[in-house]
């Protein structure tokens, strides 16, 4: 029996840094977009290169185990050099791989991560076996015996197992954390609502929440200064639409601007914990999985759980790779004690 089973993707990630990479901003009246740019048609020297294991299933399983929870993981890989690298990675980590699916006729997921001088990144992703998880390949007994099922974003056809996954977990008393991905969100809110009804914790980033609800955050105008408010009124509208069950915590992350949460009674805002930023890859996985683990450790205290998640996410981004900077609970609590003024702001609903 595991404390947590996490299901999601597993990839071999290749990180590429290039001093010639630029960032181009394109502004419109109601939107600003940024693009990573390279000289067109040129041969460009790479300034740094590294390969690491990644993917939502890998990152969250690693974090849960690092936080001291007995952890099993479900992901799908091929039988190739990249799957060997993933298995080698887990040989040094206390994660149960009994539920991993391996298909000799498929390829392991592979990503090229282009890292900017600001620490952010653009990902070129080949989903491979990650997109082909079938219901018949999943060990449902492992989910039945777990306290928590953490669902990282599922890609392609793998998204088809979501309905049965969350329904099975709910019917068998397994707590569900749903980290929504764009594949499921694009199916529309009526589809998504059925998943949300079975999840006690839901995590999305701001862009995903906007896509899921169809609600756009209005920019400041001459008459209304939304940026001066703790919680943007359109963000509140997103929360109220996404919260469809009685006991349910909705978390919306906002990158370097922190994270928000709503439990039906209060809105919470937690800023980012200060620290160096080397690479943001994996920070969302670190935040969401730490929040889930901390809710259990801190007796469902949302404020403390957001603080713990922010501290661990800061540890994640401080080092190169998605899992190298992850902290243990003892290290997180030590930093909480060392920074008592780092806390959430709360507003009644």
C-alpha atoms as a PDB file:
ATOM      1  CA  UNK A   1       0.000   0.000   0.000  1.00  0.00           C
ATOM      2  CA  UNK A   2       1.302   3.433  -0.955  1.00  0.00           C
ATOM      3  CA  UNK A   3       0.619   6.822   0.553  1.00  0.00           C
ATOM      4  CA  UNK A   4       0.388   8.182  -2.970  1.00  0.00           C
ATOM      5  CA  UNK A   5       0.165   6.917  -6.534  1.00  0.00           C
ATOM      6  CA  UNK A   6       1.053   9.444  -9.189  1.00  0.00           C
ATOM      7  CA  UNK A   7       0.199   9.032 -12.863  1.00  0.00           C
ATOM      8  CA  UNK A   8       1.620  11.152 -15.644  1.00  0.00           C
ATOM      9  CA  UNK A   9       4.378  11.443 -18.196  1.00  0.00           C
ATOM     10  CA  UNK A  10       7.993  10.270 -18.189  1.00  0.00           C
ATOM     11  CA  UNK A  11      10.505  11.815 -20.578  1.00  0.00           C
ATOM     12  CA  UNK A  12      14.179  12.166 -21.240  1.00  0.00           C
ATOM     13  CA  UNK A  13      14.842  15.911 -21.254  1.00  0.00           C
ATOM     14  CA  UNK A  14      17.739  17.518 -23.075  1.00  0.00           C
ATOM     15  CA  UNK A  15      18.525  21.041 -21.866  1.00  0.00           C
ATOM     16  CA  UNK A  16      20.119  23.471 -24.293  1.00  0.00           C
ATOM     17  CA  UNK A  17      21.454  26.927 -23.480  1.00  0.00           C
ATOM     18  CA  UNK A  18      22.588  29.325 -26.167  1.00  0.00           C
ATOM     19  CA  UNK A  19      24.023  32.802 -25.635  1.00  0.00           C
ATOM     20  CA  UNK A  20      22.575  33.904 -28.988  1.00  0.00           C
ATOM     21  CA  UNK A  21      18.979  33.232 -27.922  1.00  0.00           C
ATOM     22  CA  UNK A  22      16.905  36.381 -27.670  1.00  0.00           C
ATOM     23  CA  UNK A  23      13.498  37.222 -26.217  1.00  0.00           C
ATOM     24  CA  UNK A  24      11.087  39.114 -28.456  1.00  0.00           C
ATOM     25  CA  UNK A  25       8.002  40.811 -26.976  1.00  0.00           C
ATOM     26  CA  UNK A  26       4.927  41.362 -29.104  1.00  0.00           C
ATOM     27  CA  UNK A  27       2.317  43.705 -27.661  1.00  0.00           C
ATOM     28  CA  UNK A  28      -1.292  44.173 -28.670  1.00  0.00           C
ATOM     29  CA  UNK A  29      -3.967  46.338 -27.128  1.00  0.00           C
ATOM     30  CA  UNK A  30      -5.164  43.568 -24.837  1.00  0.00           C
ATOM     31  CA  UNK A  31      -2.282  41.108 -24.801  1.00  0.00           C
ATOM     32  CA  UNK A  32       1.481  40.807 -24.520  1.00  0.00           C
ATOM     33  CA  UNK A  33       3.318  37.712 -25.795  1.00  0.00           C
ATOM     34  CA  UNK A  34       6.982  36.791 -25.557  1.00  0.00           C
ATOM     35  CA  UNK A  35       8.913  34.509 -27.911  1.00  0.00           C
ATOM     36  CA  UNK A  36      12.350  32.954 -27.771  1.00  0.00           C
ATOM     37  CA  UNK A  37      14.265  33.817 -30.936  1.00  0.00           C
ATOM     38  CA  UNK A  38      17.335  32.558 -32.804  1.00  0.00           C
ATOM     39  CA  UNK A  39      18.993  33.939 -35.951  1.00  0.00           C
ATOM     40  CA  UNK A  40      17.128  32.378 -38.870  1.00  0.00           C
ATOM     41  CA  UNK A  41      19.200  30.106 -41.126  1.00  0.00           C
ATOM     42  CA  UNK A  42      22.301  30.289 -38.934  1.00  0.00           C
ATOM     43  CA  UNK A  43      24.408  27.571 -37.311  1.00  0.00           C
ATOM     44  CA  UNK A  44      24.359  28.486 -33.615  1.00  0.00           C
ATOM     45  CA  UNK A  45      26.863  27.409 -30.983  1.00  0.00           C
ATOM     46  CA  UNK A  46      25.461  25.819 -27.823  1.00  0.00           C
ATOM     47  CA  UNK A  47      26.870  27.330 -24.632  1.00  0.00           C
ATOM     48  CA  UNK A  48      25.635  24.578 -22.282  1.00  0.00           C
ATOM     49  CA  UNK A  49      24.057  21.144 -22.650  1.00  0.00           C
ATOM     50  CA  UNK A  50      22.710  18.550 -20.230  1.00  0.00           C
ATOM     51  CA  UNK A  51      20.250  15.650 -20.154  1.00  0.00           C
ATOM     52  CA  UNK A  52      17.929  14.740 -17.298  1.00  0.00           C
ATOM     53  CA  UNK A  53      14.834  12.666 -16.632  1.00  0.00           C
ATOM     54  CA  UNK A  54      11.569  14.601 -16.403  1.00  0.00           C
ATOM     55  CA  UNK A  55       7.826  14.597 -17.018  1.00  0.00           C
ATOM     56  CA  UNK A  56       4.928  15.179 -14.628  1.00  0.00           C
ATOM     57  CA  UNK A  57       4.736  11.575 -13.439  1.00  0.00           C
ATOM     58  CA  UNK A  58       8.484  11.404 -12.781  1.00  0.00           C
ATOM     59  CA  UNK A  59       8.780  14.836 -11.164  1.00  0.00           C
ATOM     60  CA  UNK A  60       5.865  14.434  -8.774  1.00  0.00           C
ATOM     61  CA  UNK A  61       6.748  10.861  -7.774  1.00  0.00           C
ATOM     62  CA  UNK A  62      10.297  11.991  -7.022  1.00  0.00           C
ATOM     63  CA  UNK A  63       9.031  14.882  -4.924  1.00  0.00           C
ATOM     64  CA  UNK A  64       6.504  12.831  -2.950  1.00  0.00           C
ATOM     65  CA  UNK A  65       9.182  10.244  -2.155  1.00  0.00           C
ATOM     66  CA  UNK A  66      11.645  12.980  -1.208  1.00  0.00           C
ATOM     67  CA  UNK A  67       9.032  14.366   1.198  1.00  0.00           C
ATOM     68  CA  UNK A  68       8.910  10.979   2.924  1.00  0.00           C
ATOM     69  CA  UNK A  69       5.717   9.501   1.462  1.00  0.00           C
ATOM     70  CA  UNK A  70       5.649   5.911   0.239  1.00  0.00           C
ATOM     71  CA  UNK A  71       5.154   6.445  -3.473  1.00  0.00           C
ATOM     72  CA  UNK A  72       4.231   4.408  -6.524  1.00  0.00           C
ATOM     73  CA  UNK A  73       4.207   5.756 -10.061  1.00  0.00           C
ATOM     74  CA  UNK A  74       2.312   4.943 -13.253  1.00  0.00           C
ATOM     75  CA  UNK A  75       3.819   6.045 -16.554  1.00  0.00           C
ATOM     76  CA  UNK A  76       4.427   4.483 -19.946  1.00  0.00           C
ATOM     77  CA  UNK A  77       7.749   4.136 -21.769  1.00  0.00           C
ATOM     78  CA  UNK A  78       9.210   2.265 -24.697  1.00  0.00           C
ATOM     79  CA  UNK A  79      12.055  -0.229 -24.670  1.00  0.00           C
ATOM     80  CA  UNK A  80      14.917   2.011 -25.737  1.00  0.00           C
ATOM     81  CA  UNK A  81      17.937   3.918 -24.471  1.00  0.00           C
ATOM     82  CA  UNK A  82      15.728   6.635 -23.011  1.00  0.00           C
ATOM     83  CA  UNK A  83      13.630   4.243 -20.918  1.00  0.00           C
ATOM     84  CA  UNK A  84      16.867   2.771 -19.574  1.00  0.00           C
ATOM     85  CA  UNK A  85      17.889   6.254 -18.466  1.00  0.00           C
ATOM     86  CA  UNK A  86      14.567   6.706 -16.664  1.00  0.00           C
ATOM     87  CA  UNK A  87      14.874   3.366 -14.843  1.00  0.00           C
ATOM     88  CA  UNK A  88      18.478   4.188 -13.879  1.00  0.00           C
ATOM     89  CA  UNK A  89      17.266   7.497 -12.442  1.00  0.00           C
ATOM     90  CA  UNK A  90      14.782   5.734 -10.163  1.00  0.00           C
ATOM     91  CA  UNK A  91      17.299   3.115  -9.035  1.00  0.00           C
ATOM     92  CA  UNK A  92      18.600   5.687  -6.543  1.00  0.00           C
ATOM     93  CA  UNK A  93      15.151   6.830  -5.376  1.00  0.00           C
ATOM     94  CA  UNK A  94      12.607   5.176  -3.131  1.00  0.00           C
ATOM     95  CA  UNK A  95       9.772   4.930  -5.662  1.00  0.00           C
ATOM     96  CA  UNK A  96       7.788   1.773  -6.468  1.00  0.00           C
ATOM     97  CA  UNK A  97       8.025   1.059 -10.221  1.00  0.00           C
ATOM     98  CA  UNK A  98       5.790  -2.031 -10.190  1.00  0.00           C
ATOM     99  CA  UNK A  99       3.009  -0.156 -11.988  1.00  0.00           C
ATOM    100  CA  UNK A 100       5.119   1.262 -14.816  1.00  0.00           C
ATOM    101  CA  UNK A 101       3.972   0.264 -18.318  1.00  0.00           C
ATOM    102  CA  UNK A 102       6.603  -0.659 -20.923  1.00  0.00           C
ATOM    103  CA  UNK A 103       5.761  -1.166 -24.598  1.00  0.00           C
ATOM    104  CA  UNK A 104       8.436  -2.455 -26.972  1.00  0.00           C
ATOM    105  CA  UNK A 105       6.482  -1.106 -29.933  1.00  0.00           C
ATOM    106  CA  UNK A 106       6.430   2.488 -28.688  1.00  0.00           C
ATOM    107  CA  UNK A 107       9.069   5.139 -28.047  1.00  0.00           C
ATOM    108  CA  UNK A 108       9.859   6.838 -24.746  1.00  0.00           C
ATOM    109  CA  UNK A 109       8.912  10.491 -24.480  1.00  0.00           C
ATOM    110  CA  UNK A 110      11.653  12.950 -25.358  1.00  0.00           C
ATOM    111  CA  UNK A 111      11.931  16.725 -24.943  1.00  0.00           C
ATOM    112  CA  UNK A 112      14.364  19.445 -25.935  1.00  0.00           C
ATOM    113  CA  UNK A 113      14.290  22.352 -23.475  1.00  0.00           C
ATOM    114  CA  UNK A 114      15.568  25.670 -24.775  1.00  0.00           C
ATOM    115  CA  UNK A 115      16.566  27.711 -21.715  1.00  0.00           C
ATOM    116  CA  UNK A 116      16.707  31.503 -21.814  1.00  0.00           C
ATOM    117  CA  UNK A 117      19.112  33.807 -19.974  1.00  0.00           C
ATOM    118  CA  UNK A 118      16.173  34.738 -17.689  1.00  0.00           C
ATOM    119  CA  UNK A 119      15.796  31.112 -16.529  1.00  0.00           C
ATOM    120  CA  UNK A 120      12.513  30.467 -18.325  1.00  0.00           C
ATOM    121  CA  UNK A 121      12.225  27.945 -21.116  1.00  0.00           C
ATOM    122  CA  UNK A 122      10.562  26.756 -24.293  1.00  0.00           C
ATOM    123  CA  UNK A 123       9.951  23.006 -24.579  1.00  0.00           C
ATOM    124  CA  UNK A 124       9.920  20.981 -27.800  1.00  0.00           C
ATOM    125  CA  UNK A 125       8.119  17.798 -26.791  1.00  0.00           C
ATOM    126  CA  UNK A 126       7.748  14.383 -28.417  1.00  0.00           C
ATOM    127  CA  UNK A 127       5.064  12.649 -26.352  1.00  0.00           C
ATOM    128  CA  UNK A 128       5.831   9.076 -27.431  1.00  0.00           C
ATOM    129  CA  UNK A 129       4.400   6.407 -25.123  1.00  0.00           C
ATOM    130  CA  UNK A 130       3.122   9.100 -22.752  1.00  0.00           C
ATOM    131  CA  UNK A 131       0.222   9.675 -25.138  1.00  0.00           C
ATOM    132  CA  UNK A 132      -0.814   6.009 -25.314  1.00  0.00           C
ATOM    133  CA  UNK A 133      -1.718   4.846 -21.788  1.00  0.00           C
ATOM    134  CA  UNK A 134      -4.684   2.470 -21.983  1.00  0.00           C
ATOM    135  CA  UNK A 135      -7.148   1.677 -19.212  1.00  0.00           C
ATOM    136  CA  UNK A 136      -6.331  -2.042 -19.490  1.00  0.00           C
ATOM    137  CA  UNK A 137      -2.669  -1.277 -18.687  1.00  0.00           C
ATOM    138  CA  UNK A 138      -3.355   0.508 -15.387  1.00  0.00           C
ATOM    139  CA  UNK A 139      -3.121  -1.355 -12.073  1.00  0.00           C
ATOM    140  CA  UNK A 140      -6.343  -0.157 -10.441  1.00  0.00           C
ATOM    141  CA  UNK A 141      -5.641  -2.142  -7.278  1.00  0.00           C
ATOM    142  CA  UNK A 142      -2.671   0.142  -6.610  1.00  0.00           C
ATOM    143  CA  UNK A 143      -5.015   3.135  -6.798  1.00  0.00           C
ATOM    144  CA  UNK A 144      -7.577   1.427  -4.566  1.00  0.00           C
ATOM    145  CA  UNK A 145      -4.945   0.796  -1.894  1.00  0.00           C
ATOM    146  CA  UNK A 146      -3.451   4.321  -2.000  1.00  0.00           C
ATOM    147  CA  UNK A 147      -4.440   7.258   0.183  1.00  0.00           C
ATOM    148  CA  UNK A 148      -3.924   9.784  -2.639  1.00  0.00           C
ATOM    149  CA  UNK A 149      -4.060   9.595  -6.418  1.00  0.00           C
ATOM    150  CA  UNK A 150      -2.141  12.471  -7.967  1.00  0.00           C
ATOM    151  CA  UNK A 151      -3.029  12.959 -11.632  1.00  0.00           C
ATOM    152  CA  UNK A 152      -0.428  14.945 -13.543  1.00  0.00           C
ATOM    153  CA  UNK A 153      -1.399  16.249 -17.014  1.00  0.00           C
ATOM    154  CA  UNK A 154      -2.022  13.359 -19.409  1.00  0.00           C
ATOM    155  CA  UNK A 155      -1.237  13.690 -23.087  1.00  0.00           C
ATOM    156  CA  UNK A 156      -3.069  12.626 -26.229  1.00  0.00           C
ATOM    157  CA  UNK A 157      -5.088   9.410 -26.029  1.00  0.00           C
ATOM    158  CA  UNK A 158      -3.944   8.852 -22.434  1.00  0.00           C
ATOM    159  CA  UNK A 159      -6.434  11.534 -21.467  1.00  0.00           C
ATOM    160  CA  UNK A 160      -9.221   9.070 -22.275  1.00  0.00           C
ATOM    161  CA  UNK A 161      -8.543   7.175 -19.022  1.00  0.00           C
ATOM    162  CA  UNK A 162      -9.280  10.240 -16.857  1.00  0.00           C
ATOM    163  CA  UNK A 163     -13.007   9.604 -16.396  1.00  0.00           C
ATOM    164  CA  UNK A 164     -12.567   6.058 -15.179  1.00  0.00           C
ATOM    165  CA  UNK A 165      -9.529   6.943 -13.055  1.00  0.00           C
ATOM    166  CA  UNK A 166     -11.255   9.612 -10.984  1.00  0.00           C
ATOM    167  CA  UNK A 167     -14.527   7.687 -10.725  1.00  0.00           C
ATOM    168  CA  UNK A 168     -12.698   4.568  -9.512  1.00  0.00           C
ATOM    169  CA  UNK A 169     -10.702   6.583  -6.972  1.00  0.00           C
ATOM    170  CA  UNK A 170     -13.824   8.306  -5.665  1.00  0.00           C
ATOM    171  CA  UNK A 171     -15.769   5.033  -5.405  1.00  0.00           C
ATOM    172  CA  UNK A 172     -12.906   3.466  -3.426  1.00  0.00           C
ATOM    173  CA  UNK A 173     -12.261   6.367  -1.056  1.00  0.00           C
ATOM    174  CA  UNK A 174      -8.938   7.461  -2.562  1.00  0.00           C
ATOM    175  CA  UNK A 175      -8.274  11.196  -2.295  1.00  0.00           C
ATOM    176  CA  UNK A 176      -7.723  12.803  -5.726  1.00  0.00           C
ATOM    177  CA  UNK A 177      -5.490  15.696  -6.725  1.00  0.00           C
ATOM    178  CA  UNK A 178      -6.074  16.707 -10.337  1.00  0.00           C
ATOM    179  CA  UNK A 179      -3.424  18.800 -12.049  1.00  0.00           C
ATOM    180  CA  UNK A 180      -5.317  19.717 -15.190  1.00  0.00           C
ATOM    181  CA  UNK A 181      -3.618  19.730 -18.581  1.00  0.00           C
ATOM    182  CA  UNK A 182      -4.592  21.433 -21.803  1.00  0.00           C
ATOM    183  CA  UNK A 183      -5.683  18.196 -23.531  1.00  0.00           C
ATOM    184  CA  UNK A 184      -8.544  17.688 -21.093  1.00  0.00           C
ATOM    185  CA  UNK A 185      -9.328  21.387 -20.804  1.00  0.00           C
ATOM    186  CA  UNK A 186      -9.799  21.679 -24.563  1.00  0.00           C
ATOM    187  CA  UNK A 187     -12.669  19.196 -24.356  1.00  0.00           C
ATOM    188  CA  UNK A 188     -14.762  21.929 -22.766  1.00  0.00           C
ATOM    189  CA  UNK A 189     -16.024  22.774 -19.311  1.00  0.00           C
ATOM    190  CA  UNK A 190     -18.923  20.294 -19.332  1.00  0.00           C
ATOM    191  CA  UNK A 191     -16.431  17.453 -19.774  1.00  0.00           C
ATOM    192  CA  UNK A 192     -14.030  18.934 -17.242  1.00  0.00           C
ATOM    193  CA  UNK A 193     -16.767  19.404 -14.668  1.00  0.00           C
ATOM    194  CA  UNK A 194     -17.250  15.643 -14.439  1.00  0.00           C
ATOM    195  CA  UNK A 195     -13.565  15.266 -13.506  1.00  0.00           C
ATOM    196  CA  UNK A 196     -13.648  18.180 -11.072  1.00  0.00           C
ATOM    197  CA  UNK A 197     -16.590  16.652  -9.187  1.00  0.00           C
ATOM    198  CA  UNK A 198     -14.389  13.708  -8.115  1.00  0.00           C
ATOM    199  CA  UNK A 199     -11.278  15.716  -7.161  1.00  0.00           C
ATOM    200  CA  UNK A 200     -10.651  17.175  -3.716  1.00  0.00           C
ATOM    201  CA  UNK A 201      -7.674  19.241  -4.912  1.00  0.00           C
ATOM    202  CA  UNK A 202      -7.500  20.913  -8.324  1.00  0.00           C
ATOM    203  CA  UNK A 203      -4.400  22.724  -9.563  1.00  0.00           C
ATOM    204  CA  UNK A 204      -4.116  24.814 -12.734  1.00  0.00           C
ATOM    205  CA  UNK A 205      -1.967  27.676 -13.866  1.00  0.00           C
ATOM    206  CA  UNK A 206      -3.654  30.985 -14.660  1.00  0.00           C
ATOM    207  CA  UNK A 207      -3.672  30.386 -18.415  1.00  0.00           C
ATOM    208  CA  UNK A 208      -5.236  26.927 -17.990  1.00  0.00           C
ATOM    209  CA  UNK A 209      -7.864  28.291 -15.590  1.00  0.00           C
ATOM    210  CA  UNK A 210      -8.765  30.986 -18.097  1.00  0.00           C
ATOM    211  CA  UNK A 211      -9.035  28.410 -20.892  1.00  0.00           C
ATOM    212  CA  UNK A 212     -11.125  26.062 -18.735  1.00  0.00           C
ATOM    213  CA  UNK A 213     -13.607  28.682 -17.574  1.00  0.00           C
ATOM    214  CA  UNK A 214     -13.662  30.960 -20.619  1.00  0.00           C
ATOM    215  CA  UNK A 215     -12.956  33.901 -18.309  1.00  0.00           C
ATOM    216  CA  UNK A 216     -10.269  36.421 -19.249  1.00  0.00           C
ATOM    217  CA  UNK A 217      -8.545  38.631 -16.684  1.00  0.00           C
ATOM    218  CA  UNK A 218      -9.271  42.232 -17.577  1.00  0.00           C
ATOM    219  CA  UNK A 219      -6.278  44.593 -17.554  1.00  0.00           C
ATOM    220  CA  UNK A 220      -6.233  47.835 -15.581  1.00  0.00           C
ATOM    221  CA  UNK A 221      -8.170  50.721 -17.061  1.00  0.00           C
ATOM    222  CA  UNK A 222      -8.313  54.399 -16.266  1.00  0.00           C
ATOM    223  CA  UNK A 223     -11.300  53.767 -14.007  1.00  0.00           C
ATOM    224  CA  UNK A 224     -10.479  50.346 -12.539  1.00  0.00           C
ATOM    225  CA  UNK A 225      -7.125  49.327 -11.055  1.00  0.00           C
ATOM    226  CA  UNK A 226      -7.407  45.556 -10.684  1.00  0.00           C
ATOM    227  CA  UNK A 227      -3.685  45.291  -9.960  1.00  0.00           C
ATOM    228  CA  UNK A 228      -4.253  47.034  -6.606  1.00  0.00           C
ATOM    229  CA  UNK A 229      -6.635  44.280  -5.467  1.00  0.00           C
ATOM    230  CA  UNK A 230      -5.456  41.217  -3.577  1.00  0.00           C
ATOM    231  CA  UNK A 231      -7.616  38.922  -5.721  1.00  0.00           C
ATOM    232  CA  UNK A 232      -8.626  40.034  -9.203  1.00  0.00           C
ATOM    233  CA  UNK A 233     -12.454  39.841  -9.510  1.00  0.00           C
ATOM    234  CA  UNK A 234     -12.112  37.762 -12.679  1.00  0.00           C
ATOM    235  CA  UNK A 235      -9.876  35.336 -10.775  1.00  0.00           C
ATOM    236  CA  UNK A 236     -12.649  35.024  -8.181  1.00  0.00           C
ATOM    237  CA  UNK A 237     -15.049  34.223 -11.001  1.00  0.00           C
ATOM    238  CA  UNK A 238     -12.699  31.474 -12.198  1.00  0.00           C
ATOM    239  CA  UNK A 239     -12.522  30.012  -8.695  1.00  0.00           C
ATOM    240  CA  UNK A 240     -16.286  30.029  -8.266  1.00  0.00           C
ATOM    241  CA  UNK A 241     -16.818  28.269 -11.579  1.00  0.00           C
ATOM    242  CA  UNK A 242     -14.122  25.645 -10.950  1.00  0.00           C
ATOM    243  CA  UNK A 243     -15.230  24.770  -7.420  1.00  0.00           C
ATOM    244  CA  UNK A 244     -18.034  22.273  -7.929  1.00  0.00           C
ATOM    245  CA  UNK A 245     -17.810  20.144  -4.735  1.00  0.00           C
ATOM    246  CA  UNK A 246     -18.235  20.872  -1.036  1.00  0.00           C
ATOM    247  CA  UNK A 247     -14.788  19.876   0.223  1.00  0.00           C
ATOM    248  CA  UNK A 248     -12.525  21.059  -2.514  1.00  0.00           C
ATOM    249  CA  UNK A 249      -9.497  23.326  -2.730  1.00  0.00           C
ATOM    250  CA  UNK A 250      -8.807  25.064  -6.030  1.00  0.00           C
ATOM    251  CA  UNK A 251      -5.258  26.348  -6.637  1.00  0.00           C
ATOM    252  CA  UNK A 252      -4.326  28.679  -9.479  1.00  0.00           C
ATOM    253  CA  UNK A 253      -0.627  29.336  -9.961  1.00  0.00           C
ATOM    254  CA  UNK A 254       0.724  32.476 -11.600  1.00  0.00           C
ATOM    255  CA  UNK A 255       4.386  31.788 -12.309  1.00  0.00           C
ATOM    256  CA  UNK A 256       6.714  34.341 -10.762  1.00  0.00           C
ATOM    257  CA  UNK A 257       3.752  36.245  -9.324  1.00  0.00           C
ATOM    258  CA  UNK A 258       2.865  33.529  -6.833  1.00  0.00           C
ATOM    259  CA  UNK A 259      -0.226  31.372  -6.353  1.00  0.00           C
ATOM    260  CA  UNK A 260      -3.847  31.677  -5.264  1.00  0.00           C
ATOM    261  CA  UNK A 261      -6.230  29.244  -3.579  1.00  0.00           C
ATOM    262  CA  UNK A 262      -9.925  29.082  -2.743  1.00  0.00           C
ATOM    263  CA  UNK A 263     -11.787  26.705  -0.428  1.00  0.00           C
ATOM    264  CA  UNK A 264     -15.300  28.183  -0.642  1.00  0.00           C
ATOM    265  CA  UNK A 265     -14.817  30.329   2.458  1.00  0.00           C
ATOM    266  CA  UNK A 266     -11.565  32.196   1.886  1.00  0.00           C
ATOM    267  CA  UNK A 267      -9.290  33.326  -0.906  1.00  0.00           C
ATOM    268  CA  UNK A 268      -5.560  32.933  -0.337  1.00  0.00           C
ATOM    269  CA  UNK A 269      -2.601  34.581  -2.027  1.00  0.00           C
ATOM    270  CA  UNK A 270       0.954  33.324  -1.517  1.00  0.00           C
ATOM    271  CA  UNK A 271       3.892  35.147  -3.140  1.00  0.00           C
ATOM    272  CA  UNK A 272       6.931  33.344  -4.489  1.00  0.00           C
ATOM    273  CA  UNK A 273       9.582  32.515  -1.927  1.00  0.00           C
ATOM    274  CA  UNK A 274      12.658  34.568  -2.738  1.00  0.00           C
ATOM    275  CA  UNK A 275      15.711  32.835  -4.147  1.00  0.00           C
ATOM    276  CA  UNK A 276      17.909  32.378  -7.206  1.00  0.00           C
ATOM    277  CA  UNK A 277      16.312  31.174 -10.446  1.00  0.00           C
ATOM    278  CA  UNK A 278      18.393  28.827 -12.595  1.00  0.00           C
ATOM    279  CA  UNK A 279      15.585  27.044 -14.469  1.00  0.00           C
ATOM    280  CA  UNK A 280      11.812  27.068 -13.954  1.00  0.00           C
ATOM    281  CA  UNK A 281      11.295  23.591 -15.400  1.00  0.00           C
ATOM    282  CA  UNK A 282       9.441  21.384 -12.928  1.00  0.00           C
ATOM    283  CA  UNK A 283       8.465  24.216 -10.592  1.00  0.00           C
ATOM    284  CA  UNK A 284       4.746  23.686 -11.212  1.00  0.00           C
ATOM    285  CA  UNK A 285       5.060  19.970 -10.441  1.00  0.00           C
ATOM    286  CA  UNK A 286       7.032  20.750  -7.282  1.00  0.00           C
ATOM    287  CA  UNK A 287       4.475  23.313  -6.118  1.00  0.00           C
ATOM    288  CA  UNK A 288       1.373  21.204  -6.759  1.00  0.00           C
ATOM    289  CA  UNK A 289       2.687  17.945  -5.290  1.00  0.00           C
ATOM    290  CA  UNK A 290       4.156  19.694  -2.241  1.00  0.00           C
ATOM    291  CA  UNK A 291       0.838  21.429  -1.624  1.00  0.00           C
ATOM    292  CA  UNK A 292      -0.939  18.044  -1.634  1.00  0.00           C
ATOM    293  CA  UNK A 293       1.593  16.454   0.714  1.00  0.00           C
ATOM    294  CA  UNK A 294       1.577  19.481   3.032  1.00  0.00           C
ATOM    295  CA  UNK A 295      -2.224  19.483   3.331  1.00  0.00           C
ATOM    296  CA  UNK A 296      -1.952  16.047   4.904  1.00  0.00           C
ATOM    297  CA  UNK A 297       1.056  16.906   7.058  1.00  0.00           C
ATOM    298  CA  UNK A 298      -0.412  20.197   8.322  1.00  0.00           C
ATOM    299  CA  UNK A 299      -3.947  18.903   8.963  1.00  0.00           C
ATOM    300  CA  UNK A 300      -5.511  20.602   5.891  1.00  0.00           C
ATOM    301  CA  UNK A 301      -4.052  24.009   6.757  1.00  0.00           C
ATOM    302  CA  UNK A 302      -4.176  25.724   3.364  1.00  0.00           C
ATOM    303  CA  UNK A 303      -2.042  28.715   4.349  1.00  0.00           C
ATOM    304  CA  UNK A 304       0.853  26.607   5.679  1.00  0.00           C
ATOM    305  CA  UNK A 305       0.551  24.266   2.705  1.00  0.00           C
ATOM    306  CA  UNK A 306       0.844  27.137   0.209  1.00  0.00           C
ATOM    307  CA  UNK A 307       3.901  28.460   2.058  1.00  0.00           C
ATOM    308  CA  UNK A 308       5.530  25.017   2.056  1.00  0.00           C
ATOM    309  CA  UNK A 309       4.775  24.599  -1.665  1.00  0.00           C
ATOM    310  CA  UNK A 310       6.264  27.989  -2.487  1.00  0.00           C
ATOM    311  CA  UNK A 311       9.432  27.216  -0.529  1.00  0.00           C
ATOM    312  CA  UNK A 312       9.919  23.868  -2.267  1.00  0.00           C
ATOM    313  CA  UNK A 313       9.211  25.385  -5.687  1.00  0.00           C
ATOM    314  CA  UNK A 314      11.914  27.957  -4.944  1.00  0.00           C
ATOM    315  CA  UNK A 315      14.298  25.122  -4.131  1.00  0.00           C
ATOM    316  CA  UNK A 316      13.357  23.445  -7.412  1.00  0.00           C
ATOM    317  CA  UNK A 317      14.118  26.494  -9.575  1.00  0.00           C
ATOM    318  CA  UNK A 318      17.402  27.182  -7.778  1.00  0.00           C
ATOM    319  CA  UNK A 319      19.116  24.275  -9.539  1.00  0.00           C
ATOM    320  CA  UNK A 320      19.335  22.961 -13.062  1.00  0.00           C
ATOM    321  CA  UNK A 321      16.796  20.227 -13.785  1.00  0.00           C
ATOM    322  CA  UNK A 322      13.296  19.506 -12.524  1.00  0.00           C
ATOM    323  CA  UNK A 323      14.186  17.512  -9.384  1.00  0.00           C
ATOM    324  CA  UNK A 324      17.744  18.438  -8.349  1.00  0.00           C
ATOM    325  CA  UNK A 325      16.723  21.246  -5.973  1.00  0.00           C
ATOM    326  CA  UNK A 326      13.777  19.566  -4.243  1.00  0.00           C
ATOM    327  CA  UNK A 327      13.715  19.823  -0.451  1.00  0.00           C
ATOM    328  CA  UNK A 328      12.693  17.394   2.275  1.00  0.00           C
ATOM    329  CA  UNK A 329       9.931  18.297   4.726  1.00  0.00           C
ATOM    330  CA  UNK A 330      12.529  18.916   7.441  1.00  0.00           C
ATOM    331  CA  UNK A 331      14.316  21.397   5.158  1.00  0.00           C
ATOM    332  CA  UNK A 332      11.025  23.090   4.239  1.00  0.00           C
ATOM    333  CA  UNK A 333       9.976  23.445   7.875  1.00  0.00           C
ATOM    334  CA  UNK A 334      13.411  24.807   8.773  1.00  0.00           C
ATOM    335  CA  UNK A 335      13.028  27.536   6.144  1.00  0.00           C
ATOM    336  CA  UNK A 336       9.525  28.277   7.392  1.00  0.00           C
ATOM    337  CA  UNK A 337      10.939  28.757  10.890  1.00  0.00           C
ATOM    338  CA  UNK A 338      13.778  30.934   9.549  1.00  0.00           C
ATOM    339  CA  UNK A 339      11.350  33.168   7.646  1.00  0.00           C
ATOM    340  CA  UNK A 340       8.308  33.605   9.931  1.00  0.00           C
ATOM    341  CA  UNK A 341       7.240  36.726   8.036  1.00  0.00           C
ATOM    342  CA  UNK A 342       6.777  34.788   4.799  1.00  0.00           C
ATOM    343  CA  UNK A 343       3.062  34.087   4.761  1.00  0.00           C
ATOM    344  CA  UNK A 344      -0.166  34.247   2.782  1.00  0.00           C
ATOM    345  CA  UNK A 345      -2.655  37.085   2.537  1.00  0.00           C
ATOM    346  CA  UNK A 346      -6.239  35.994   3.083  1.00  0.00           C
ATOM    347  CA  UNK A 347      -9.556  37.504   2.049  1.00  0.00           C
ATOM    348  CA  UNK A 348     -12.983  36.286   3.086  1.00  0.00           C
ATOM    349  CA  UNK A 349     -15.222  35.078   0.275  1.00  0.00           C
END
